[in-house]
Amino acid sequence: DFNMDGMLDLLVVNREENVSLFRNLGAKAEAGPIPMGNFVAVEL
């Protein structure tokens, strides 16, 4: 969670191309039927 909004983001290291960095925007109506739920994040 790079921007600490409770939604997991994604970095992919690509061979011979720039990395991909995806920000999770949550599920929108046009993106599918599954809504974004709640979360907890734990540091020990």
PDB file of all heavy atoms in Angstrom:
ATOM      1  N   ASP A   1       0.865  -1.185   0.000  1.00  0.00           N
ATOM      2  CA  ASP A   1       0.000   0.000   0.000  1.00  0.00           C
ATOM      3  C   ASP A   1       0.902   1.235   0.000  1.00  0.00           C
ATOM      4  O   ASP A   1       1.254   1.761   1.048  1.00  0.00           O
ATOM      5  CB  ASP A   1      -0.901  -0.032   1.238  1.00  0.00           C
ATOM      6  CG  ASP A   1      -1.928   1.085   1.246  1.00  0.00           C
ATOM      7  OD1 ASP A   1      -1.913   1.923   0.321  1.00  0.00           O
ATOM      8  OD2 ASP A   1      -2.744   1.128   2.200  1.00  0.00           O
ATOM      9  N   PHE A   2       1.246   1.706  -1.184  1.00  0.00           N
ATOM     10  CA  PHE A   2       2.242   2.768  -1.294  1.00  0.00           C
ATOM     11  C   PHE A   2       1.714   4.127  -0.826  1.00  0.00           C
ATOM     12  O   PHE A   2       2.488   4.956  -0.337  1.00  0.00           O
ATOM     13  CB  PHE A   2       2.755   2.867  -2.728  1.00  0.00           C
ATOM     14  CG  PHE A   2       3.528   1.666  -3.174  1.00  0.00           C
ATOM     15  CD1 PHE A   2       3.126   0.930  -4.273  1.00  0.00           C
ATOM     16  CD2 PHE A   2       4.670   1.262  -2.500  1.00  0.00           C
ATOM     17  CE1 PHE A   2       3.846  -0.187  -4.690  1.00  0.00           C
ATOM     18  CE2 PHE A   2       5.393   0.147  -2.890  1.00  0.00           C
ATOM     19  CZ  PHE A   2       4.971  -0.576  -3.995  1.00  0.00           C
ATOM     20  N   ASN A   3       0.420   4.378  -0.997  1.00  0.00           N
ATOM     21  CA  ASN A   3      -0.121   5.667  -0.559  1.00  0.00           C
ATOM     22  C   ASN A   3      -1.013   5.537   0.671  1.00  0.00           C
ATOM     23  O   ASN A   3      -1.755   6.473   1.012  1.00  0.00           O
ATOM     24  CB  ASN A   3      -0.883   6.357  -1.700  1.00  0.00           C
ATOM     25  CG  ASN A   3      -2.068   5.536  -2.176  1.00  0.00           C
ATOM     26  OD1 ASN A   3      -2.268   4.390  -1.755  1.00  0.00           O
ATOM     27  ND2 ASN A   3      -2.861   6.118  -3.058  1.00  0.00           N
ATOM     28  N   MET A   4      -0.925   4.416   1.360  1.00  0.00           N
ATOM     29  CA  MET A   4      -1.544   4.219   2.674  1.00  0.00           C
ATOM     30  C   MET A   4      -3.025   4.586   2.691  1.00  0.00           C
ATOM     31  O   MET A   4      -3.513   5.236   3.618  1.00  0.00           O
ATOM     32  CB  MET A   4      -0.782   5.018   3.734  1.00  0.00           C
ATOM     33  CG  MET A   4       0.726   4.843   3.703  1.00  0.00           C
ATOM     34  SD  MET A   4       1.302   3.133   3.787  1.00  0.00           S
ATOM     35  CE  MET A   4       1.247   2.834   5.541  1.00  0.00           C
ATOM     36  N   ASP A   5      -3.744   4.125   1.674  1.00  0.00           N
ATOM     37  CA  ASP A   5      -5.184   4.374   1.631  1.00  0.00           C
ATOM     38  C   ASP A   5      -5.993   3.108   1.925  1.00  0.00           C
ATOM     39  O   ASP A   5      -7.220   3.103   1.795  1.00  0.00           O
ATOM     40  CB  ASP A   5      -5.602   4.964   0.285  1.00  0.00           C
ATOM     41  CG  ASP A   5      -5.327   4.032  -0.896  1.00  0.00           C
ATOM     42  OD1 ASP A   5      -4.725   2.946  -0.678  1.00  0.00           O
ATOM     43  OD2 ASP A   5      -5.684   4.387  -2.034  1.00  0.00           O
ATOM     44  N   GLY A   6      -5.293   2.032   2.298  1.00  0.00           N
ATOM     45  CA  GLY A   6      -5.972   0.785   2.610  1.00  0.00           C
ATOM     46  C   GLY A   6      -6.223  -0.114   1.432  1.00  0.00           C
ATOM     47  O   GLY A   6      -6.815  -1.191   1.592  1.00  0.00           O
ATOM     48  N   MET A   7      -5.776   0.295   0.238  1.00  0.00           N
ATOM     49  CA  MET A   7      -5.924  -0.526  -0.964  1.00  0.00           C
ATOM     50  C   MET A   7      -4.529  -0.870  -1.483  1.00  0.00           C
ATOM     51  O   MET A   7      -3.681   0.013  -1.651  1.00  0.00           O
ATOM     52  CB  MET A   7      -6.742   0.206  -2.027  1.00  0.00           C
ATOM     53  CG  MET A   7      -8.169   0.497  -1.584  1.00  0.00           C
ATOM     54  SD  MET A   7      -9.197   1.266  -2.873  1.00  0.00           S
ATOM     55  CE  MET A   7      -8.464   2.899  -2.963  1.00  0.00           C
ATOM     56  N   LEU A   8      -4.297  -2.145  -1.741  1.00  0.00           N
ATOM     57  CA  LEU A   8      -2.970  -2.603  -2.139  1.00  0.00           C
ATOM     58  C   LEU A   8      -2.638  -2.188  -3.569  1.00  0.00           C
ATOM     59  O   LEU A   8      -3.421  -2.408  -4.498  1.00  0.00           O
ATOM     60  CB  LEU A   8      -2.878  -4.120  -1.999  1.00  0.00           C
ATOM     61  CG  LEU A   8      -2.881  -4.636  -0.559  1.00  0.00           C
ATOM     62  CD1 LEU A   8      -2.978  -6.158  -0.532  1.00  0.00           C
ATOM     63  CD2 LEU A   8      -1.637  -4.164   0.197  1.00  0.00           C
ATOM     64  N   ASP A   9      -1.467  -1.601  -3.716  1.00  0.00           N
ATOM     65  CA  ASP A   9      -0.940  -1.203  -5.023  1.00  0.00           C
ATOM     66  C   ASP A   9       0.043  -2.262  -5.509  1.00  0.00           C
ATOM     67  O   ASP A   9       0.290  -3.266  -4.825  1.00  0.00           O
ATOM     68  CB  ASP A   9      -0.272   0.164  -4.908  1.00  0.00           C
ATOM     69  CG  ASP A   9      -1.175   1.191  -4.242  1.00  0.00           C
ATOM     70  OD1 ASP A   9      -2.296   1.391  -4.727  1.00  0.00           O
ATOM     71  OD2 ASP A   9      -0.766   1.775  -3.209  1.00  0.00           O
ATOM     72  N   LEU A  10       0.636  -2.037  -6.670  1.00  0.00           N
ATOM     73  CA  LEU A  10       1.444  -3.081  -7.295  1.00  0.00           C
ATOM     74  C   LEU A  10       2.584  -2.485  -8.097  1.00  0.00           C
ATOM     75  O   LEU A  10       2.366  -1.609  -8.936  1.00  0.00           O
ATOM     76  CB  LEU A  10       0.546  -3.916  -8.215  1.00  0.00           C
ATOM     77  CG  LEU A  10       1.198  -4.978  -9.097  1.00  0.00           C
ATOM     78  CD1 LEU A  10       1.828  -6.088  -8.243  1.00  0.00           C
ATOM     79  CD2 LEU A  10       0.160  -5.579 -10.049  1.00  0.00           C
ATOM     80  N   LEU A  11       3.800  -2.964  -7.827  1.00  0.00           N
ATOM     81  CA  LEU A  11       4.966  -2.646  -8.649  1.00  0.00           C
ATOM     82  C   LEU A  11       5.416  -3.927  -9.336  1.00  0.00           C
ATOM     83  O   LEU A  11       5.560  -4.961  -8.672  1.00  0.00           O
ATOM     84  CB  LEU A  11       6.112  -2.103  -7.796  1.00  0.00           C
ATOM     85  CG  LEU A  11       7.427  -1.893  -8.557  1.00  0.00           C
ATOM     86  CD1 LEU A  11       7.534  -0.471  -9.081  1.00  0.00           C
ATOM     87  CD2 LEU A  11       8.636  -2.220  -7.689  1.00  0.00           C
ATOM     88  N   VAL A  12       5.643  -3.871 -10.647  1.00  0.00           N
ATOM     89  CA  VAL A  12       6.167  -5.011 -11.392  1.00  0.00           C
ATOM     90  C   VAL A  12       7.469  -4.592 -12.066  1.00  0.00           C
ATOM     91  O   VAL A  12       7.507  -3.580 -12.771  1.00  0.00           O
ATOM     92  CB  VAL A  12       5.170  -5.515 -12.453  1.00  0.00           C
ATOM     93  CG1 VAL A  12       5.717  -6.774 -13.142  1.00  0.00           C
ATOM     94  CG2 VAL A  12       3.812  -5.807 -11.838  1.00  0.00           C
ATOM     95  N   VAL A  13       8.529  -5.353 -11.819  1.00  0.00           N
ATOM     96  CA  VAL A  13       9.812  -5.094 -12.469  1.00  0.00           C
ATOM     97  C   VAL A  13       9.818  -5.819 -13.809  1.00  0.00           C
ATOM     98  O   VAL A  13       9.624  -7.033 -13.866  1.00  0.00           O
ATOM     99  CB  VAL A  13      10.985  -5.577 -11.593  1.00  0.00           C
ATOM    100  CG1 VAL A  13      12.319  -5.233 -12.257  1.00  0.00           C
ATOM    101  CG2 VAL A  13      10.911  -4.938 -10.211  1.00  0.00           C
ATOM    102  N   ASN A  14      10.024  -5.061 -14.882  1.00  0.00           N
ATOM    103  CA  ASN A  14       9.972  -5.607 -16.237  1.00  0.00           C
ATOM    104  C   ASN A  14      11.364  -5.706 -16.843  1.00  0.00           C
ATOM    105  O   ASN A  14      12.218  -4.857 -16.602  1.00  0.00           O
ATOM    106  CB  ASN A  14       9.096  -4.718 -17.130  1.00  0.00           C
ATOM    107  CG  ASN A  14       7.665  -4.662 -16.647  1.00  0.00           C
ATOM    108  OD1 ASN A  14       7.066  -5.684 -16.324  1.00  0.00           O
ATOM    109  ND2 ASN A  14       7.102  -3.468 -16.601  1.00  0.00           N
ATOM    110  N   ARG A  15      11.544  -6.747 -17.627  1.00  0.00           N
ATOM    111  CA  ARG A  15      12.815  -6.922 -18.315  1.00  0.00           C
ATOM    112  C   ARG A  15      12.898  -6.009 -19.537  1.00  0.00           C
ATOM    113  O   ARG A  15      12.001  -6.011 -20.388  1.00  0.00           O
ATOM    114  CB  ARG A  15      13.004  -8.378 -18.722  1.00  0.00           C
ATOM    115  CG  ARG A  15      14.239  -8.610 -19.556  1.00  0.00           C
ATOM    116  CD  ARG A  15      14.713 -10.040 -19.574  1.00  0.00           C
ATOM    117  NE  ARG A  15      15.749 -10.216 -20.575  1.00  0.00           N
ATOM    118  CZ  ARG A  15      17.007  -9.818 -20.431  1.00  0.00           C
ATOM    119  NH1 ARG A  15      17.389  -9.233 -19.322  1.00  0.00           N
ATOM    120  NH2 ARG A  15      17.880 -10.009 -21.397  1.00  0.00           N
ATOM    121  N   GLU A  16      13.968  -5.202 -19.595  1.00  0.00           N
ATOM    122  CA  GLU A  16      14.270  -4.309 -20.723  1.00  0.00           C
ATOM    123  C   GLU A  16      13.228  -3.222 -20.940  1.00  0.00           C
ATOM    124  O   GLU A  16      13.216  -2.576 -21.978  1.00  0.00           O
ATOM    125  CB  GLU A  16      14.475  -5.113 -22.016  1.00  0.00           C
ATOM    126  CG  GLU A  16      15.615  -6.104 -21.980  1.00  0.00           C
ATOM    127  CD  GLU A  16      16.994  -5.441 -21.919  1.00  0.00           C
ATOM    128  OE1 GLU A  16      17.077  -4.217 -22.120  1.00  0.00           O
ATOM    129  OE2 GLU A  16      17.981  -6.165 -21.667  1.00  0.00           O
ATOM    130  N   GLU A  17      12.327  -3.012 -19.981  1.00  0.00           N
ATOM    131  CA  GLU A  17      11.319  -1.957 -20.079  1.00  0.00           C
ATOM    132  C   GLU A  17      11.141  -1.309 -18.713  1.00  0.00           C
ATOM    133  O   GLU A  17      11.455  -1.911 -17.684  1.00  0.00           O
ATOM    134  CB  GLU A  17       9.975  -2.517 -20.553  1.00  0.00           C
ATOM    135  CG  GLU A  17       9.997  -3.131 -21.934  1.00  0.00           C
ATOM    136  CD  GLU A  17       8.634  -3.678 -22.313  1.00  0.00           C
ATOM    137  OE1 GLU A  17       7.703  -2.865 -22.451  1.00  0.00           O
ATOM    138  OE2 GLU A  17       8.501  -4.903 -22.450  1.00  0.00           O
ATOM    139  N   ASN A  18      10.594  -0.113 -18.713  1.00  0.00           N
ATOM    140  CA  ASN A  18      10.362   0.571 -17.444  1.00  0.00           C
ATOM    141  C   ASN A  18       9.458  -0.265 -16.544  1.00  0.00           C
ATOM    142  O   ASN A  18       8.599  -1.019 -17.021  1.00  0.00           O
ATOM    143  CB  ASN A  18       9.717   1.942 -17.681  1.00  0.00           C
ATOM    144  CG  ASN A  18       9.894   2.880 -16.506  1.00  0.00           C
ATOM    145  OD1 ASN A  18      11.014   3.130 -16.070  1.00  0.00           O
ATOM    146  ND2 ASN A  18       8.794   3.398 -15.978  1.00  0.00           N
ATOM    147  N   VAL A  19       9.665  -0.142 -15.243  1.00  0.00           N
ATOM    148  CA  VAL A  19       8.790  -0.837 -14.303  1.00  0.00           C
ATOM    149  C   VAL A  19       7.351  -0.382 -14.502  1.00  0.00           C
ATOM    150  O   VAL A  19       7.084   0.708 -15.016  1.00  0.00           O
ATOM    151  CB  VAL A  19       9.226  -0.578 -12.842  1.00  0.00           C
ATOM    152  CG1 VAL A  19      10.649  -1.028 -12.597  1.00  0.00           C
ATOM    153  CG2 VAL A  19       9.051   0.887 -12.477  1.00  0.00           C
ATOM    154  N   SER A  20       6.421  -1.232 -14.080  1.00  0.00           N
ATOM    155  CA  SER A  20       5.007  -0.859 -14.033  1.00  0.00           C
ATOM    156  C   SER A  20       4.645  -0.581 -12.586  1.00  0.00           C
ATOM    157  O   SER A  20       4.981  -1.361 -11.696  1.00  0.00           O
ATOM    158  CB  SER A  20       4.130  -1.988 -14.576  1.00  0.00           C
ATOM    159  OG  SER A  20       4.466  -2.309 -15.913  1.00  0.00           O
ATOM    160  N   LEU A  21       3.967   0.537 -12.345  1.00  0.00           N
ATOM    161  CA  LEU A  21       3.530   0.902 -11.001  1.00  0.00           C
ATOM    162  C   LEU A  21       2.042   1.195 -11.064  1.00  0.00           C
ATOM    163  O   LEU A  21       1.614   2.176 -11.673  1.00  0.00           O
ATOM    164  CB  LEU A  21       4.298   2.118 -10.489  1.00  0.00           C
ATOM    165  CG  LEU A  21       3.940   2.610  -9.095  1.00  0.00           C
ATOM    166  CD1 LEU A  21       4.259   1.558  -8.038  1.00  0.00           C
ATOM    167  CD2 LEU A  21       4.658   3.923  -8.779  1.00  0.00           C
ATOM    168  N   PHE A  22       1.257   0.324 -10.432  1.00  0.00           N
ATOM    169  CA  PHE A  22      -0.194   0.443 -10.506  1.00  0.00           C
ATOM    170  C   PHE A  22      -0.750   0.949  -9.177  1.00  0.00           C
ATOM    171  O   PHE A  22      -0.502   0.360  -8.127  1.00  0.00           O
ATOM    172  CB  PHE A  22      -0.824  -0.918 -10.807  1.00  0.00           C
ATOM    173  CG  PHE A  22      -0.410  -1.517 -12.127  1.00  0.00           C
ATOM    174  CD1 PHE A  22       0.614  -2.453 -12.182  1.00  0.00           C
ATOM    175  CD2 PHE A  22      -1.036  -1.146 -13.302  1.00  0.00           C
ATOM    176  CE1 PHE A  22       0.994  -3.020 -13.378  1.00  0.00           C
ATOM    177  CE2 PHE A  22      -0.666  -1.698 -14.514  1.00  0.00           C
ATOM    178  CZ  PHE A  22       0.361  -2.644 -14.562  1.00  0.00           C
ATOM    179  N   ARG A  23      -1.526   2.029  -9.236  1.00  0.00           N
ATOM    180  CA  ARG A  23      -2.233   2.518  -8.060  1.00  0.00           C
ATOM    181  C   ARG A  23      -3.635   1.924  -8.047  1.00  0.00           C
ATOM    182  O   ARG A  23      -4.366   1.996  -9.034  1.00  0.00           O
ATOM    183  CB  ARG A  23      -2.313   4.048  -8.068  1.00  0.00           C
ATOM    184  CG  ARG A  23      -3.126   4.622  -6.903  1.00  0.00           C
ATOM    185  CD  ARG A  23      -2.837   6.084  -6.656  1.00  0.00           C
ATOM    186  NE  ARG A  23      -3.151   6.938  -7.785  1.00  0.00           N
ATOM    187  CZ  ARG A  23      -4.207   7.756  -7.857  1.00  0.00           C
ATOM    188  NH1 ARG A  23      -5.063   7.804  -6.841  1.00  0.00           N
ATOM    189  NH2 ARG A  23      -4.397   8.519  -8.908  1.00  0.00           N
ATOM    190  N   ASN A  24      -4.001   1.338  -6.942  1.00  0.00           N
ATOM    191  CA  ASN A  24      -5.305   0.717  -6.784  1.00  0.00           C
ATOM    192  C   ASN A  24      -6.347   1.806  -6.548  1.00  0.00           C
ATOM    193  O   ASN A  24      -6.312   2.513  -5.541  1.00  0.00           O
ATOM    194  CB  ASN A  24      -5.263  -0.263  -5.606  1.00  0.00           C
ATOM    195  CG  ASN A  24      -6.483  -1.155  -5.530  1.00  0.00           C
ATOM    196  OD1 ASN A  24      -7.523  -0.874  -6.120  1.00  0.00           O
ATOM    197  ND2 ASN A  24      -6.357  -2.248  -4.794  1.00  0.00           N
ATOM    198  N   LEU A  25      -7.273   1.942  -7.486  1.00  0.00           N
ATOM    199  CA  LEU A  25      -8.322   2.959  -7.388  1.00  0.00           C
ATOM    200  C   LEU A  25      -9.610   2.411  -6.799  1.00  0.00           C
ATOM    201  O   LEU A  25     -10.586   3.151  -6.648  1.00  0.00           O
ATOM    202  CB  LEU A  25      -8.609   3.548  -8.772  1.00  0.00           C
ATOM    203  CG  LEU A  25      -7.432   4.217  -9.487  1.00  0.00           C
ATOM    204  CD1 LEU A  25      -7.871   4.736 -10.845  1.00  0.00           C
ATOM    205  CD2 LEU A  25      -6.850   5.343  -8.644  1.00  0.00           C
ATOM    206  N   GLY A  26      -9.616   1.115  -6.495  1.00  0.00           N
ATOM    207  CA  GLY A  26     -10.839   0.510  -5.972  1.00  0.00           C
ATOM    208  C   GLY A  26     -11.752   0.068  -7.096  1.00  0.00           C
ATOM    209  O   GLY A  26     -11.578   0.446  -8.261  1.00  0.00           O
ATOM    210  N   ALA A  27     -12.727  -0.745  -6.779  1.00  0.00           N
ATOM    211  CA  ALA A  27     -13.652  -1.256  -7.788  1.00  0.00           C
ATOM    212  C   ALA A  27     -14.698  -0.212  -8.119  1.00  0.00           C
ATOM    213  O   ALA A  27     -15.380   0.307  -7.237  1.00  0.00           O
ATOM    214  CB  ALA A  27     -14.325  -2.531  -7.289  1.00  0.00           C
ATOM    215  N   LYS A  28     -14.824   0.095  -9.401  1.00  0.00           N
ATOM    216  CA  LYS A  28     -15.842   1.028  -9.870  1.00  0.00           C
ATOM    217  C   LYS A  28     -16.939   0.250 -10.583  1.00  0.00           C
ATOM    218  O   LYS A  28     -16.760  -0.900 -10.973  1.00  0.00           O
ATOM    219  CB  LYS A  28     -15.228   2.067 -10.803  1.00  0.00           C
ATOM    220  CG  LYS A  28     -14.161   2.934 -10.112  1.00  0.00           C
ATOM    221  CD  LYS A  28     -13.599   3.960 -11.065  1.00  0.00           C
ATOM    222  CE  LYS A  28     -12.553   4.835 -10.376  1.00  0.00           C
ATOM    223  NZ  LYS A  28     -11.979   5.848 -11.283  1.00  0.00           N
ATOM    224  N   ALA A  29     -18.078   0.876 -10.770  1.00  0.00           N
ATOM    225  CA  ALA A  29     -19.228   0.187 -11.349  1.00  0.00           C
ATOM    226  C   ALA A  29     -18.889  -0.409 -12.713  1.00  0.00           C
ATOM    227  O   ALA A  29     -19.287  -1.523 -13.038  1.00  0.00           O
ATOM    228  CB  ALA A  29     -20.413   1.149 -11.458  1.00  0.00           C
ATOM    229  N   GLU A  30     -18.136   0.322 -13.533  1.00  0.00           N
ATOM    230  CA  GLU A  30     -17.840  -0.171 -14.868  1.00  0.00           C
ATOM    231  C   GLU A  30     -16.722  -1.195 -14.863  1.00  0.00           C
ATOM    232  O   GLU A  30     -16.465  -1.850 -15.865  1.00  0.00           O
ATOM    233  CB  GLU A  30     -17.474   0.995 -15.791  1.00  0.00           C
ATOM    234  CG  GLU A  30     -16.178   1.728 -15.406  1.00  0.00           C
ATOM    235  CD  GLU A  30     -16.427   2.870 -14.448  1.00  0.00           C
ATOM    236  OE1 GLU A  30     -17.507   2.871 -13.822  1.00  0.00           O
ATOM    237  OE2 GLU A  30     -15.546   3.740 -14.318  1.00  0.00           O
ATOM    238  N   ALA A  31     -16.046  -1.353 -13.723  1.00  0.00           N
ATOM    239  CA  ALA A  31     -14.906  -2.273 -13.676  1.00  0.00           C
ATOM    240  C   ALA A  31     -15.300  -3.660 -13.192  1.00  0.00           C
ATOM    241  O   ALA A  31     -14.498  -4.576 -13.236  1.00  0.00           O
ATOM    242  CB  ALA A  31     -13.823  -1.704 -12.766  1.00  0.00           C
ATOM    243  N   GLY A  32     -16.519  -3.842 -12.714  1.00  0.00           N
ATOM    244  CA  GLY A  32     -16.910  -5.158 -12.249  1.00  0.00           C
ATOM    245  C   GLY A  32     -17.880  -5.074 -11.087  1.00  0.00           C
ATOM    246  O   GLY A  32     -18.122  -4.015 -10.518  1.00  0.00           O
ATOM    247  N   PRO A  33     -18.434  -6.223 -10.692  1.00  0.00           N
ATOM    248  CA  PRO A  33     -19.495  -6.228  -9.686  1.00  0.00           C
ATOM    249  C   PRO A  33     -19.001  -6.282  -8.247  1.00  0.00           C
ATOM    250  O   PRO A  33     -19.809  -6.244  -7.333  1.00  0.00           O
ATOM    251  CB  PRO A  33     -20.262  -7.516 -10.021  1.00  0.00           C
ATOM    252  CG  PRO A  33     -19.197  -8.428 -10.554  1.00  0.00           C
ATOM    253  CD  PRO A  33     -18.220  -7.543 -11.294  1.00  0.00           C
ATOM    254  N   ILE A  34     -17.707  -6.406  -8.027  1.00  0.00           N
ATOM    255  CA  ILE A  34     -17.212  -6.615  -6.675  1.00  0.00           C
ATOM    256  C   ILE A  34     -16.813  -5.286  -6.051  1.00  0.00           C
ATOM    257  O   ILE A  34     -15.885  -4.623  -6.502  1.00  0.00           O
ATOM    258  CB  ILE A  34     -16.007  -7.577  -6.683  1.00  0.00           C
ATOM    259  CG1 ILE A  34     -16.407  -8.908  -7.330  1.00  0.00           C
ATOM    260  CG2 ILE A  34     -15.500  -7.826  -5.277  1.00  0.00           C
ATOM    261  CD1 ILE A  34     -15.277  -9.875  -7.487  1.00  0.00           C
ATOM    262  N   PRO A  35     -17.484  -4.848  -4.988  1.00  0.00           N
ATOM    263  CA  PRO A  35     -17.144  -3.569  -4.363  1.00  0.00           C
ATOM    264  C   PRO A  35     -15.889  -3.701  -3.510  1.00  0.00           C
ATOM    265  O   PRO A  35     -15.477  -4.793  -3.134  1.00  0.00           O
ATOM    266  CB  PRO A  35     -18.366  -3.276  -3.489  1.00  0.00           C
ATOM    267  CG  PRO A  35     -18.907  -4.634  -3.151  1.00  0.00           C
ATOM    268  CD  PRO A  35     -18.649  -5.488  -4.363  1.00  0.00           C
ATOM    269  N   MET A  36     -15.280  -2.565  -3.173  1.00  0.00           N
ATOM    270  CA  MET A  36     -14.105  -2.547  -2.316  1.00  0.00           C
ATOM    271  C   MET A  36     -14.548  -2.629  -0.867  1.00  0.00           C
ATOM    272  O   MET A  36     -15.397  -1.867  -0.416  1.00  0.00           O
ATOM    273  CB  MET A  36     -13.301  -1.269  -2.566  1.00  0.00           C
ATOM    274  CG  MET A  36     -12.003  -1.195  -1.777  1.00  0.00           C
ATOM    275  SD  MET A  36     -10.808  -2.479  -2.212  1.00  0.00           S
ATOM    276  CE  MET A  36     -10.452  -2.052  -3.921  1.00  0.00           C
ATOM    277  N   GLY A  37     -13.951  -3.574  -0.123  1.00  0.00           N
ATOM    278  CA  GLY A  37     -14.310  -3.757   1.268  1.00  0.00           C
ATOM    279  C   GLY A  37     -13.428  -2.954   2.207  1.00  0.00           C
ATOM    280  O   GLY A  37     -12.641  -2.096   1.798  1.00  0.00           O
ATOM    281  N   ASN A  38     -13.549  -3.247   3.488  1.00  0.00           N
ATOM    282  CA  ASN A  38     -12.754  -2.603   4.520  1.00  0.00           C
ATOM    283  C   ASN A  38     -11.465  -3.393   4.762  1.00  0.00           C
ATOM    284  O   ASN A  38     -11.282  -4.493   4.243  1.00  0.00           O
ATOM    285  CB  ASN A  38     -13.574  -2.483   5.804  1.00  0.00           C
ATOM    286  CG  ASN A  38     -14.824  -1.640   5.615  1.00  0.00           C
ATOM    287  OD1 ASN A  38     -14.830  -0.683   4.835  1.00  0.00           O
ATOM    288  ND2 ASN A  38     -15.890  -1.993   6.314  1.00  0.00           N
ATOM    289  N   PHE A  39     -10.590  -2.842   5.597  1.00  0.00           N
ATOM    290  CA  PHE A  39      -9.287  -3.469   5.808  1.00  0.00           C
ATOM    291  C   PHE A  39      -8.798  -3.182   7.214  1.00  0.00           C
ATOM    292  O   PHE A  39      -9.298  -2.284   7.907  1.00  0.00           O
ATOM    293  CB  PHE A  39      -8.256  -2.926   4.801  1.00  0.00           C
ATOM    294  CG  PHE A  39      -7.723  -1.561   5.187  1.00  0.00           C
ATOM    295  CD1 PHE A  39      -6.497  -1.430   5.836  1.00  0.00           C
ATOM    296  CD2 PHE A  39      -8.445  -0.406   4.928  1.00  0.00           C
ATOM    297  CE1 PHE A  39      -6.020  -0.184   6.228  1.00  0.00           C
ATOM    298  CE2 PHE A  39      -7.976   0.849   5.307  1.00  0.00           C
ATOM    299  CZ  PHE A  39      -6.754   0.964   5.957  1.00  0.00           C
ATOM    300  N   VAL A  40      -7.794  -3.932   7.628  1.00  0.00           N
ATOM    301  CA  VAL A  40      -6.920  -3.554   8.738  1.00  0.00           C
ATOM    302  C   VAL A  40      -5.489  -3.850   8.290  1.00  0.00           C
ATOM    303  O   VAL A  40      -5.247  -4.791   7.520  1.00  0.00           O
ATOM    304  CB  VAL A  40      -7.231  -4.302  10.051  1.00  0.00           C
ATOM    305  CG1 VAL A  40      -8.576  -3.906  10.613  1.00  0.00           C
ATOM    306  CG2 VAL A  40      -7.153  -5.808   9.865  1.00  0.00           C
ATOM    307  N   ALA A  41      -4.549  -3.042   8.747  1.00  0.00           N
ATOM    308  CA  ALA A  41      -3.128  -3.253   8.463  1.00  0.00           C
ATOM    309  C   ALA A  41      -2.406  -3.278   9.805  1.00  0.00           C
ATOM    310  O   ALA A  41      -2.618  -2.396  10.641  1.00  0.00           O
ATOM    311  CB  ALA A  41      -2.576  -2.154   7.565  1.00  0.00           C
ATOM    312  N   VAL A  42      -1.563  -4.290   9.991  1.00  0.00           N
ATOM    313  CA  VAL A  42      -0.977  -4.559  11.300  1.00  0.00           C
ATOM    314  C   VAL A  42       0.543  -4.481  11.231  1.00  0.00           C
ATOM    315  O   VAL A  42       1.175  -5.093  10.357  1.00  0.00           O
ATOM    316  CB  VAL A  42      -1.401  -5.955  11.812  1.00  0.00           C
ATOM    317  CG1 VAL A  42      -0.847  -6.194  13.222  1.00  0.00           C
ATOM    318  CG2 VAL A  42      -2.914  -6.108  11.791  1.00  0.00           C
ATOM    319  N   GLU A  43       1.112  -3.741  12.163  1.00  0.00           N
ATOM    320  CA  GLU A  43       2.557  -3.684  12.343  1.00  0.00           C
ATOM    321  C   GLU A  43       2.876  -4.302  13.702  1.00  0.00           C
ATOM    322  O   GLU A  43       2.294  -3.914  14.718  1.00  0.00           O
ATOM    323  CB  GLU A  43       3.039  -2.235  12.298  1.00  0.00           C
ATOM    324  CG  GLU A  43       4.532  -2.063  12.505  1.00  0.00           C
ATOM    325  CD  GLU A  43       4.930  -0.593  12.559  1.00  0.00           C
ATOM    326  OE1 GLU A  43       4.606   0.075  13.568  1.00  0.00           O
ATOM    327  OE2 GLU A  43       5.553  -0.119  11.597  1.00  0.00           O
ATOM    328  N   LEU A  44       3.821  -5.242  13.737  1.00  0.00           N
ATOM    329  CA  LEU A  44       4.191  -5.920  14.970  1.00  0.00           C
ATOM    330  C   LEU A  44       5.523  -5.403  15.498  1.00  0.00           C
ATOM    331  O   LEU A  44       6.391  -4.985  14.733  1.00  0.00           O
ATOM    332  CB  LEU A  44       4.304  -7.425  14.741  1.00  0.00           C
ATOM    333  CG  LEU A  44       3.046  -8.176  14.287  1.00  0.00           C
ATOM    334  CD1 LEU A  44       3.330  -9.664  14.186  1.00  0.00           C
ATOM    335  CD2 LEU A  44       1.879  -7.909  15.224  1.00  0.00           C
TER     336      LEU A  44
END
